[in-house]
Amino acid sequence: MIIEFYCPRWGSEHLEWDVFLKNVKDAGFDDVEYALASIISKEELRSISKKLKDHNLKLILQHFDTYEPDFNKHDAAYANWFDLVKNVEVVKINSQTGKDFFSFEENNQLLALAEKFAKANNIEICHETHRNKFSFACHITKPFLETNPELKITLDVSHWVAVDESYLEDQAESMALALSRTEHIHARVGHTQGPQVTDPRAPEWQEALNHHLLWWDKIIERKKLNNDDVLTITTEFGPPPYMVTEPFTSNPLASQWDINVYIKDLLKERYN
């Protein structure tokens, strides 16, 4: 099985695309994940796609910015985002889907919309476990997985750890189901009081890191047992305000880029 490591565009938006993509290749990442805002033009999107091809890099597109609280408007905006990207060549789409305050039926309607698009366009869509979305907590996500046997997730378990204020020791059944349906990983390390440790290299965060490593290990083991060809992982430590900053100066306490490279190298060594 091949593990492909994706570098997030998030945190490097200040760089020109060509500079960013060179950095991605120089750091040893395989490809790029890009959180695509709905306001982007199709011309700009085509330009970005060309730059990726010029650098021989593949793309995972991330949906994130459908915020409309009115469900009908939200549903329409979600459909519009898919219409925007339907001709873009991607490895898969990672979707932050729905809202935590929508009903089970409403969020299921959004999942059905995504599934219809996925089948019509032969594109894999994974729905990210994320605060504020349908999948904001481990126990909340379980009935969606049970109801939708084709539902695939991007596991960013850092969100669940923060929401539940634990390392989910008391939710073994729900976690096992989530791990069995994970097709993409966001390799960020959270802790019981937040979605991102300050620096996973620091000794005080080794307990949090080890919990996440064991979850990722189980996904790798499952994929290998199934003889799957590829697993995609995005090292998705974020910039401020995800990255804690120094009071008054707002200087980040660590380097987001260095941490993402560290996590990529750690997992490459662990799984090779």
C-alpha atoms as a PDB file:
ATOM      1  CA  MET A   1       0.000   0.000   0.000  1.00  0.00           C
ATOM      2  CA  ILE A   2       1.172   3.500  -0.861  1.00  0.00           C
ATOM      3  CA  ILE A   3       0.694   6.346   1.627  1.00  0.00           C
ATOM      4  CA  GLU A   4       0.512   9.747  -0.043  1.00  0.00           C
ATOM      5  CA  PHE A   5       1.273  12.777   2.114  1.00  0.00           C
ATOM      6  CA  TYR A   6      -0.554  16.003   1.278  1.00  0.00           C
ATOM      7  CA  CYS A   7       0.563  19.457   2.311  1.00  0.00           C
ATOM      8  CA  PRO A   8      -2.145  21.948   3.310  1.00  0.00           C
ATOM      9  CA  ARG A   9      -2.326  25.242   1.469  1.00  0.00           C
ATOM     10  CA  TRP A  10      -3.830  26.554   4.730  1.00  0.00           C
ATOM     11  CA  GLY A  11      -1.254  28.748   6.425  1.00  0.00           C
ATOM     12  CA  SER A  12       0.722  29.431   3.232  1.00  0.00           C
ATOM     13  CA  GLU A  13      -1.830  31.618   1.454  1.00  0.00           C
ATOM     14  CA  HIS A  14       0.599  34.561   1.703  1.00  0.00           C
ATOM     15  CA  LEU A  15       2.919  32.797  -0.724  1.00  0.00           C
ATOM     16  CA  GLU A  16       2.544  32.852  -4.486  1.00  0.00           C
ATOM     17  CA  TRP A  17       1.377  29.464  -5.738  1.00  0.00           C
ATOM     18  CA  ASP A  18       4.622  28.699  -7.581  1.00  0.00           C
ATOM     19  CA  VAL A  19       6.684  29.447  -4.461  1.00  0.00           C
ATOM     20  CA  PHE A  20       4.385  27.365  -2.277  1.00  0.00           C
ATOM     21  CA  LEU A  21       4.415  24.413  -4.674  1.00  0.00           C
ATOM     22  CA  LYS A  22       8.209  24.446  -4.855  1.00  0.00           C
ATOM     23  CA  ASN A  23       8.318  24.406  -1.055  1.00  0.00           C
ATOM     24  CA  VAL A  24       5.914  21.443  -1.046  1.00  0.00           C
ATOM     25  CA  LYS A  25       8.162  19.411  -3.330  1.00  0.00           C
ATOM     26  CA  ASP A  26      11.389  20.443  -1.601  1.00  0.00           C
ATOM     27  CA  ALA A  27       9.959  19.350   1.773  1.00  0.00           C
ATOM     28  CA  GLY A  28       9.122  15.890   0.460  1.00  0.00           C
ATOM     29  CA  PHE A  29       5.338  16.095   0.316  1.00  0.00           C
ATOM     30  CA  ASP A  30       3.625  14.159  -2.446  1.00  0.00           C
ATOM     31  CA  ASP A  31       0.703  16.467  -3.212  1.00  0.00           C
ATOM     32  CA  VAL A  32      -1.517  19.351  -1.970  1.00  0.00           C
ATOM     33  CA  GLU A  33      -4.824  19.819  -0.159  1.00  0.00           C
ATOM     34  CA  TYR A  34      -6.553  23.130  -0.835  1.00  0.00           C
ATOM     35  CA  ALA A  35      -9.534  24.573   1.020  1.00  0.00           C
ATOM     36  CA  LEU A  36     -11.444  26.124  -1.868  1.00  0.00           C
ATOM     37  CA  ALA A  37     -13.589  29.124  -0.988  1.00  0.00           C
ATOM     38  CA  SER A  38     -16.904  29.505  -2.791  1.00  0.00           C
ATOM     39  CA  ILE A  39     -15.981  33.019  -3.926  1.00  0.00           C
ATOM     40  CA  ILE A  40     -13.169  31.852  -6.198  1.00  0.00           C
ATOM     41  CA  SER A  41     -13.684  32.350  -9.922  1.00  0.00           C
ATOM     42  CA  LYS A  42     -13.525  29.459 -12.374  1.00  0.00           C
ATOM     43  CA  GLU A  43     -10.691  31.257 -14.177  1.00  0.00           C
ATOM     44  CA  GLU A  44      -8.594  31.393 -10.996  1.00  0.00           C
ATOM     45  CA  LEU A  45      -9.394  27.763 -10.297  1.00  0.00           C
ATOM     46  CA  ARG A  46      -8.206  26.770 -13.772  1.00  0.00           C
ATOM     47  CA  SER A  47      -4.989  28.737 -13.206  1.00  0.00           C
ATOM     48  CA  ILE A  48      -4.328  26.896  -9.934  1.00  0.00           C
ATOM     49  CA  SER A  49      -4.995  23.533 -11.584  1.00  0.00           C
ATOM     50  CA  LYS A  50      -2.467  24.361 -14.305  1.00  0.00           C
ATOM     51  CA  LYS A  51       0.191  25.325 -11.751  1.00  0.00           C
ATOM     52  CA  LEU A  52      -0.304  22.028  -9.948  1.00  0.00           C
ATOM     53  CA  LYS A  53       0.116  20.112 -13.186  1.00  0.00           C
ATOM     54  CA  ASP A  54       3.220  22.138 -14.034  1.00  0.00           C
ATOM     55  CA  HIS A  55       4.735  21.007 -10.723  1.00  0.00           C
ATOM     56  CA  ASN A  56       3.487  17.426 -11.193  1.00  0.00           C
ATOM     57  CA  LEU A  57       1.345  17.588  -8.042  1.00  0.00           C
ATOM     58  CA  LYS A  58      -2.113  16.146  -7.430  1.00  0.00           C
ATOM     59  CA  LEU A  59      -4.938  17.873  -5.551  1.00  0.00           C
ATOM     60  CA  ILE A  60      -7.437  17.137  -2.811  1.00  0.00           C
ATOM     61  CA  LEU A  61     -10.079  19.872  -2.715  1.00  0.00           C
ATOM     62  CA  GLN A  62     -11.565  20.815   0.637  1.00  0.00           C
ATOM     63  CA  HIS A  63     -15.040  22.269   1.064  1.00  0.00           C
ATOM     64  CA  PHE A  64     -15.429  24.377   4.191  1.00  0.00           C
ATOM     65  CA  ASP A  65     -17.276  27.647   3.768  1.00  0.00           C
ATOM     66  CA  THR A  66     -20.994  26.889   3.503  1.00  0.00           C
ATOM     67  CA  TYR A  67     -22.096  28.735   6.628  1.00  0.00           C
ATOM     68  CA  GLU A  68     -25.700  29.730   5.822  1.00  0.00           C
ATOM     69  CA  PRO A  69     -27.867  28.930   8.895  1.00  0.00           C
ATOM     70  CA  ASP A  70     -31.088  28.686   6.870  1.00  0.00           C
ATOM     71  CA  PHE A  71     -31.170  25.070   5.698  1.00  0.00           C
ATOM     72  CA  ASN A  72     -32.677  25.690   2.257  1.00  0.00           C
ATOM     73  CA  LYS A  73     -30.111  28.394   1.476  1.00  0.00           C
ATOM     74  CA  HIS A  74     -27.357  26.171   2.878  1.00  0.00           C
ATOM     75  CA  ASP A  75     -28.455  23.268   0.684  1.00  0.00           C
ATOM     76  CA  ALA A  76     -28.396  25.502  -2.401  1.00  0.00           C
ATOM     77  CA  ALA A  77     -24.965  26.934  -1.533  1.00  0.00           C
ATOM     78  CA  TYR A  78     -23.546  23.423  -1.048  1.00  0.00           C
ATOM     79  CA  ALA A  79     -24.886  22.391  -4.460  1.00  0.00           C
ATOM     80  CA  ASN A  80     -23.375  25.532  -6.006  1.00  0.00           C
ATOM     81  CA  TRP A  81     -19.930  24.652  -4.604  1.00  0.00           C
ATOM     82  CA  PHE A  82     -20.092  21.236  -6.260  1.00  0.00           C
ATOM     83  CA  ASP A  83     -21.120  22.875  -9.527  1.00  0.00           C
ATOM     84  CA  LEU A  84     -18.056  25.134  -9.261  1.00  0.00           C
ATOM     85  CA  VAL A  85     -15.624  22.211  -8.969  1.00  0.00           C
ATOM     86  CA  LYS A  86     -17.261  19.547 -11.146  1.00  0.00           C
ATOM     87  CA  ASN A  87     -14.659  19.832 -13.934  1.00  0.00           C
ATOM     88  CA  VAL A  88     -11.588  20.088 -11.691  1.00  0.00           C
ATOM     89  CA  GLU A  89      -9.229  17.109 -11.730  1.00  0.00           C
ATOM     90  CA  VAL A  90      -8.897  15.960  -8.118  1.00  0.00           C
ATOM     91  CA  VAL A  91      -7.887  12.854  -6.183  1.00  0.00           C
ATOM     92  CA  LYS A  92     -10.888  13.298  -3.879  1.00  0.00           C
ATOM     93  CA  ILE A  93     -12.959  15.936  -2.137  1.00  0.00           C
ATOM     94  CA  ASN A  94     -12.795  16.477   1.607  1.00  0.00           C
ATOM     95  CA  SER A  95     -16.029  18.092   2.781  1.00  0.00           C
ATOM     96  CA  GLN A  96     -16.814  19.855   6.034  1.00  0.00           C
ATOM     97  CA  THR A  97     -20.501  19.110   5.758  1.00  0.00           C
ATOM     98  CA  GLY A  98     -23.676  20.458   7.317  1.00  0.00           C
ATOM     99  CA  LYS A  99     -24.110  22.130  10.682  1.00  0.00           C
ATOM    100  CA  ASP A 100     -24.236  20.838  14.224  1.00  0.00           C
ATOM    101  CA  PHE A 101     -27.634  22.488  14.746  1.00  0.00           C
ATOM    102  CA  PHE A 102     -29.298  21.028  11.639  1.00  0.00           C
ATOM    103  CA  SER A 103     -31.574  18.073  12.226  1.00  0.00           C
ATOM    104  CA  PHE A 104     -30.469  14.517  11.506  1.00  0.00           C
ATOM    105  CA  GLU A 105     -32.744  14.528   8.447  1.00  0.00           C
ATOM    106  CA  GLU A 106     -31.349  17.833   7.141  1.00  0.00           C
ATOM    107  CA  ASN A 107     -27.740  16.748   7.473  1.00  0.00           C
ATOM    108  CA  ASN A 108     -28.608  13.453   5.812  1.00  0.00           C
ATOM    109  CA  GLN A 109     -30.061  15.412   2.900  1.00  0.00           C
ATOM    110  CA  LEU A 110     -26.719  17.181   2.470  1.00  0.00           C
ATOM    111  CA  LEU A 111     -24.874  13.859   2.621  1.00  0.00           C
ATOM    112  CA  ALA A 112     -27.220  12.521  -0.064  1.00  0.00           C
ATOM    113  CA  LEU A 113     -26.487  15.560  -2.253  1.00  0.00           C
ATOM    114  CA  ALA A 114     -22.751  14.874  -1.958  1.00  0.00           C
ATOM    115  CA  GLU A 115     -23.203  11.168  -2.687  1.00  0.00           C
ATOM    116  CA  LYS A 116     -25.230  11.945  -5.795  1.00  0.00           C
ATOM    117  CA  PHE A 117     -22.469  14.278  -7.031  1.00  0.00           C
ATOM    118  CA  ALA A 118     -19.785  11.694  -6.223  1.00  0.00           C
ATOM    119  CA  LYS A 119     -21.498   8.981  -8.268  1.00  0.00           C
ATOM    120  CA  ALA A 120     -22.384  11.270 -11.178  1.00  0.00           C
ATOM    121  CA  ASN A 121     -18.810  12.537 -11.482  1.00  0.00           C
ATOM    122  CA  ASN A 122     -16.882   9.461 -10.284  1.00  0.00           C
ATOM    123  CA  ILE A 123     -15.212  11.450  -7.489  1.00  0.00           C
ATOM    124  CA  GLU A 124     -14.606  10.138  -3.976  1.00  0.00           C
ATOM    125  CA  ILE A 125     -16.002  12.428  -1.271  1.00  0.00           C
ATOM    126  CA  CYS A 126     -14.946  12.064   2.353  1.00  0.00           C
ATOM    127  CA  HIS A 127     -16.771  14.007   5.058  1.00  0.00           C
ATOM    128  CA  GLU A 128     -14.502  15.518   7.663  1.00  0.00           C
ATOM    129  CA  THR A 129     -15.036  15.016  11.381  1.00  0.00           C
ATOM    130  CA  HIS A 130     -15.152  18.635  12.454  1.00  0.00           C
ATOM    131  CA  ARG A 131     -16.583  20.879  15.135  1.00  0.00           C
ATOM    132  CA  ASN A 132     -19.628  22.897  14.054  1.00  0.00           C
ATOM    133  CA  LYS A 133     -20.493  20.338  11.323  1.00  0.00           C
ATOM    134  CA  PHE A 134     -22.769  17.268  11.267  1.00  0.00           C
ATOM    135  CA  SER A 135     -19.835  15.189  12.520  1.00  0.00           C
ATOM    136  CA  PHE A 136     -18.800  17.372  15.445  1.00  0.00           C
ATOM    137  CA  ALA A 137     -18.617  14.542  17.996  1.00  0.00           C
ATOM    138  CA  CYS A 138     -17.837  10.852  17.947  1.00  0.00           C
ATOM    139  CA  HIS A 139     -21.170   9.668  19.361  1.00  0.00           C
ATOM    140  CA  ILE A 140     -23.115  12.030  17.074  1.00  0.00           C
ATOM    141  CA  THR A 141     -21.379  10.707  13.947  1.00  0.00           C
ATOM    142  CA  LYS A 142     -22.116   7.054  14.744  1.00  0.00           C
ATOM    143  CA  PRO A 143     -25.804   7.042  13.644  1.00  0.00           C
ATOM    144  CA  PHE A 144     -24.897   8.773  10.366  1.00  0.00           C
ATOM    145  CA  LEU A 145     -22.374   6.024   9.630  1.00  0.00           C
ATOM    146  CA  GLU A 146     -24.910   3.354  10.570  1.00  0.00           C
ATOM    147  CA  THR A 147     -27.619   4.900   8.391  1.00  0.00           C
ATOM    148  CA  ASN A 148     -25.375   5.558   5.388  1.00  0.00           C
ATOM    149  CA  PRO A 149     -23.288   2.451   4.586  1.00  0.00           C
ATOM    150  CA  GLU A 150     -21.472   4.245   1.738  1.00  0.00           C
ATOM    151  CA  LEU A 151     -20.486   7.225   3.899  1.00  0.00           C
ATOM    152  CA  LYS A 152     -16.708   7.750   4.026  1.00  0.00           C
ATOM    153  CA  ILE A 153     -14.982  10.110   6.412  1.00  0.00           C
ATOM    154  CA  THR A 154     -11.876  12.188   6.743  1.00  0.00           C
ATOM    155  CA  LEU A 155     -10.817  11.488  10.300  1.00  0.00           C
ATOM    156  CA  ASP A 156      -9.628  14.599  12.100  1.00  0.00           C
ATOM    157  CA  VAL A 157      -9.974  13.119  15.545  1.00  0.00           C
ATOM    158  CA  SER A 158      -8.438  16.207  17.175  1.00  0.00           C
ATOM    159  CA  HIS A 159     -11.908  17.789  17.029  1.00  0.00           C
ATOM    160  CA  TRP A 160     -13.571  14.883  18.822  1.00  0.00           C
ATOM    161  CA  VAL A 161     -10.916  14.870  21.533  1.00  0.00           C
ATOM    162  CA  ALA A 162     -11.560  18.564  22.207  1.00  0.00           C
ATOM    163  CA  VAL A 163     -15.370  18.244  22.102  1.00  0.00           C
ATOM    164  CA  ASP A 164     -15.450  15.231  24.418  1.00  0.00           C
ATOM    165  CA  GLU A 165     -12.654  16.487  26.705  1.00  0.00           C
ATOM    166  CA  SER A 166     -11.148  13.007  26.650  1.00  0.00           C
ATOM    167  CA  TYR A 167      -9.195  10.596  24.498  1.00  0.00           C
ATOM    168  CA  LEU A 168     -12.503   8.814  23.836  1.00  0.00           C
ATOM    169  CA  GLU A 169     -11.674   5.831  26.025  1.00  0.00           C
ATOM    170  CA  ASP A 170     -15.361   5.352  26.798  1.00  0.00           C
ATOM    171  CA  GLN A 171     -16.469   5.348  23.128  1.00  0.00           C
ATOM    172  CA  ALA A 172     -14.640   2.311  21.785  1.00  0.00           C
ATOM    173  CA  GLU A 173     -17.560   1.061  19.661  1.00  0.00           C
ATOM    174  CA  SER A 174     -18.178   4.420  18.006  1.00  0.00           C
ATOM    175  CA  MET A 175     -14.462   4.941  17.381  1.00  0.00           C
ATOM    176  CA  ALA A 176     -14.087   1.470  15.858  1.00  0.00           C
ATOM    177  CA  LEU A 177     -16.887   2.253  13.404  1.00  0.00           C
ATOM    178  CA  ALA A 178     -15.301   5.606  12.483  1.00  0.00           C
ATOM    179  CA  LEU A 179     -11.890   4.013  11.952  1.00  0.00           C
ATOM    180  CA  SER A 180     -13.461   1.383   9.694  1.00  0.00           C
ATOM    181  CA  ARG A 181     -14.917   4.082   7.406  1.00  0.00           C
ATOM    182  CA  THR A 182     -11.916   6.433   7.242  1.00  0.00           C
ATOM    183  CA  GLU A 183     -10.507   7.016   3.754  1.00  0.00           C
ATOM    184  CA  HIS A 184      -8.513  10.187   4.433  1.00  0.00           C
ATOM    185  CA  ILE A 185      -6.670  11.407   7.540  1.00  0.00           C
ATOM    186  CA  HIS A 186      -6.023  14.890   8.797  1.00  0.00           C
ATOM    187  CA  ALA A 187      -2.969  14.281  10.953  1.00  0.00           C
ATOM    188  CA  ARG A 188      -3.350  17.022  13.528  1.00  0.00           C
ATOM    189  CA  VAL A 189      -2.920  16.266  17.226  1.00  0.00           C
ATOM    190  CA  GLY A 190      -5.510  17.644  19.617  1.00  0.00           C
ATOM    191  CA  HIS A 191      -5.824  17.456  23.372  1.00  0.00           C
ATOM    192  CA  THR A 192      -8.622  17.397  25.906  1.00  0.00           C
ATOM    193  CA  GLN A 193      -8.848  21.195  26.023  1.00  0.00           C
ATOM    194  CA  GLY A 194      -8.265  22.093  22.391  1.00  0.00           C
ATOM    195  CA  PRO A 195      -7.949  20.878  18.782  1.00  0.00           C
ATOM    196  CA  GLN A 196      -4.198  21.493  18.426  1.00  0.00           C
ATOM    197  CA  VAL A 197      -1.268  20.957  20.757  1.00  0.00           C
ATOM    198  CA  THR A 198       1.307  23.723  20.689  1.00  0.00           C
ATOM    199  CA  ASP A 199       4.080  21.430  19.418  1.00  0.00           C
ATOM    200  CA  PRO A 200       3.854  17.617  19.093  1.00  0.00           C
ATOM    201  CA  ARG A 201       7.643  17.390  19.470  1.00  0.00           C
ATOM    202  CA  ALA A 202       7.440  18.642  23.068  1.00  0.00           C
ATOM    203  CA  PRO A 203       7.514  16.045  25.880  1.00  0.00           C
ATOM    204  CA  GLU A 204       4.395  17.444  27.542  1.00  0.00           C
ATOM    205  CA  TRP A 205       2.340  16.464  24.476  1.00  0.00           C
ATOM    206  CA  GLN A 206       3.578  12.912  24.011  1.00  0.00           C
ATOM    207  CA  GLU A 207       0.467  11.394  25.607  1.00  0.00           C
ATOM    208  CA  ALA A 208      -1.766  13.241  23.144  1.00  0.00           C
ATOM    209  CA  LEU A 209       0.494  12.313  20.213  1.00  0.00           C
ATOM    210  CA  ASN A 210       0.546   8.643  21.183  1.00  0.00           C
ATOM    211  CA  HIS A 211      -3.263   8.439  21.365  1.00  0.00           C
ATOM    212  CA  HIS A 212      -3.502   9.834  17.825  1.00  0.00           C
ATOM    213  CA  LEU A 213      -0.756   7.558  16.528  1.00  0.00           C
ATOM    214  CA  LEU A 214      -2.607   4.485  17.800  1.00  0.00           C
ATOM    215  CA  TRP A 215      -5.790   5.572  15.996  1.00  0.00           C
ATOM    216  CA  TRP A 216      -3.859   6.177  12.777  1.00  0.00           C
ATOM    217  CA  ASP A 217      -2.092   2.819  13.206  1.00  0.00           C
ATOM    218  CA  LYS A 218      -5.449   1.044  13.185  1.00  0.00           C
ATOM    219  CA  ILE A 219      -6.454   2.721   9.923  1.00  0.00           C
ATOM    220  CA  ILE A 220      -3.156   1.732   8.313  1.00  0.00           C
ATOM    221  CA  GLU A 221      -3.562  -1.848   9.544  1.00  0.00           C
ATOM    222  CA  ARG A 222      -7.096  -2.074   8.148  1.00  0.00           C
ATOM    223  CA  LYS A 223      -6.086  -0.675   4.774  1.00  0.00           C
ATOM    224  CA  LYS A 224      -3.199  -3.133   4.492  1.00  0.00           C
ATOM    225  CA  LEU A 225      -5.390  -6.101   5.474  1.00  0.00           C
ATOM    226  CA  ASN A 226      -7.875  -5.049   2.782  1.00  0.00           C
ATOM    227  CA  ASN A 227      -5.061  -4.834   0.215  1.00  0.00           C
ATOM    228  CA  ASP A 228      -6.007  -1.248  -0.554  1.00  0.00           C
ATOM    229  CA  ASP A 229      -3.687   0.551  -2.940  1.00  0.00           C
ATOM    230  CA  VAL A 230      -3.496   4.053  -1.445  1.00  0.00           C
ATOM    231  CA  LEU A 231      -4.159   5.990   1.750  1.00  0.00           C
ATOM    232  CA  THR A 232      -4.032   9.787   1.750  1.00  0.00           C
ATOM    233  CA  ILE A 233      -2.868  11.799   4.753  1.00  0.00           C
ATOM    234  CA  THR A 234      -2.782  15.589   5.103  1.00  0.00           C
ATOM    235  CA  THR A 235      -0.611  16.914   7.911  1.00  0.00           C
ATOM    236  CA  GLU A 236      -2.979  19.659   8.951  1.00  0.00           C
ATOM    237  CA  PHE A 237      -1.553  21.597  11.850  1.00  0.00           C
ATOM    238  CA  GLY A 238      -2.895  25.098  11.355  1.00  0.00           C
ATOM    239  CA  PRO A 239      -1.668  28.685  11.651  1.00  0.00           C
ATOM    240  CA  PRO A 240      -2.948  31.130  14.307  1.00  0.00           C
ATOM    241  CA  PRO A 241      -5.465  31.045  15.900  1.00  0.00           C
ATOM    242  CA  TYR A 242      -5.148  27.238  15.789  1.00  0.00           C
ATOM    243  CA  MET A 243      -1.488  27.793  16.563  1.00  0.00           C
ATOM    244  CA  VAL A 244      -1.246  29.339  20.036  1.00  0.00           C
ATOM    245  CA  THR A 245       0.355  32.777  20.042  1.00  0.00           C
ATOM    246  CA  GLU A 246       2.342  34.796  22.528  1.00  0.00           C
ATOM    247  CA  PRO A 247       0.181  37.293  24.449  1.00  0.00           C
ATOM    248  CA  PHE A 248       0.301  40.901  23.233  1.00  0.00           C
ATOM    249  CA  THR A 249       2.658  40.190  20.295  1.00  0.00           C
ATOM    250  CA  SER A 250       0.518  37.521  18.539  1.00  0.00           C
ATOM    251  CA  ASN A 251       3.726  35.741  17.549  1.00  0.00           C
ATOM    252  CA  PRO A 252       3.126  31.996  17.060  1.00  0.00           C
ATOM    253  CA  LEU A 253       4.784  29.756  19.641  1.00  0.00           C
ATOM    254  CA  ALA A 254       6.038  27.339  16.982  1.00  0.00           C
ATOM    255  CA  SER A 255       6.420  27.013  13.220  1.00  0.00           C
ATOM    256  CA  GLN A 256       3.352  25.535  11.539  1.00  0.00           C
ATOM    257  CA  TRP A 257       5.404  24.544   8.490  1.00  0.00           C
ATOM    258  CA  ASP A 258       8.100  22.802  10.544  1.00  0.00           C
ATOM    259  CA  ILE A 259       5.503  20.879  12.552  1.00  0.00           C
ATOM    260  CA  ASN A 260       3.700  19.657   9.433  1.00  0.00           C
ATOM    261  CA  VAL A 261       6.998  18.512   7.934  1.00  0.00           C
ATOM    262  CA  TYR A 262       7.840  16.784  11.236  1.00  0.00           C
ATOM    263  CA  ILE A 263       4.525  14.910  11.324  1.00  0.00           C
ATOM    264  CA  LYS A 264       4.961  13.862   7.685  1.00  0.00           C
ATOM    265  CA  ASP A 265       8.470  12.544   8.378  1.00  0.00           C
ATOM    266  CA  LEU A 266       7.371  10.827  11.595  1.00  0.00           C
ATOM    267  CA  LEU A 267       4.563   8.969   9.851  1.00  0.00           C
ATOM    268  CA  LYS A 268       6.708   8.095   6.839  1.00  0.00           C
ATOM    269  CA  GLU A 269       9.244   6.455   9.125  1.00  0.00           C
ATOM    270  CA  ARG A 270       6.586   4.784  11.277  1.00  0.00           C
ATOM    271  CA  TYR A 271       4.702   3.221   8.375  1.00  0.00           C
ATOM    272  CA  ASN A 272       7.640   2.289   6.179  1.00  0.00           C
END
